[in-house]
Amino acid sequence: IRLANGPSRCQGRVEILYNGSWGTVCDDDWDIVDANVVCRQLGCGHAITLPAAMTFGQGSGPIFLDNVDCKGREAALSECWSHGWGIHNCYHYEDVAVICNGDGSIRLVSGTDTCQGRVEIFYRGNWGTVCDDDWGLSDASVVCKQVGCGQALDYKSNAYFGYGTGHILLDNVNCDGSAPSPPPCYSPGWAIHNCGHHEDAGVICTG
């Protein structure tokens, strides 16, 4: 799944991949519960608004889903009830879009390319860092997948990519790197840590 034509990866027109093609979702019965599943699936926190149709333009290609009805606990939009793939009575001016708050979004900073760097995570309007306590290759693997950079080649500790600023948002992260997206990662909670920025974690991905 992806959000297309928006100013960031956490807002835009909802598009879903099926049988090798990207298509859109119709707005019949679409609500905030459905949007929350999309945001969570993308690692973008929760939905803050349902923008009006056409806010991010019309899609093209097939309309894959209509009358989507999520219960809220689904890990992916494809797990929610609908009439079935390609069954709809819609036009592209009814394509749904979402705006997520972005909590949980990840970026890599101060590397030589976009697929390596200091790990920074977005929470409540601000970017912060991740402490290297218990940081390992399985955690790095989850980061690389989430930023669309393939597999993890290496994980870095001790502020290898320089000191971050702002809050240290996660510590003692423990992810199951083999799990499907979105993977379950344990941590004590947001901003609970015993670290300094000299312990900022980093990753190097295959790209």
Foldseek 3Di string as FASTA:
>chain_A
DFAPQDPDRQWHFDWDDDPRDIAFEFQALDDQLLQQLVCQLLQFAGFDDWDQQCPRHFDDDAHFFYNWDAPNPDNHSVVTDTPGTRDDDDDRSRTTITHGNRFRQWFAPQDPDRQKHFIWTDDPHDIAFEFCALDFQLNLQLVCVSVVQAGFPGKDWQQPSHFDDDAHFFYPWDWRSVDPPPTDIDTPGTRDDDDHSSGTMITHGND
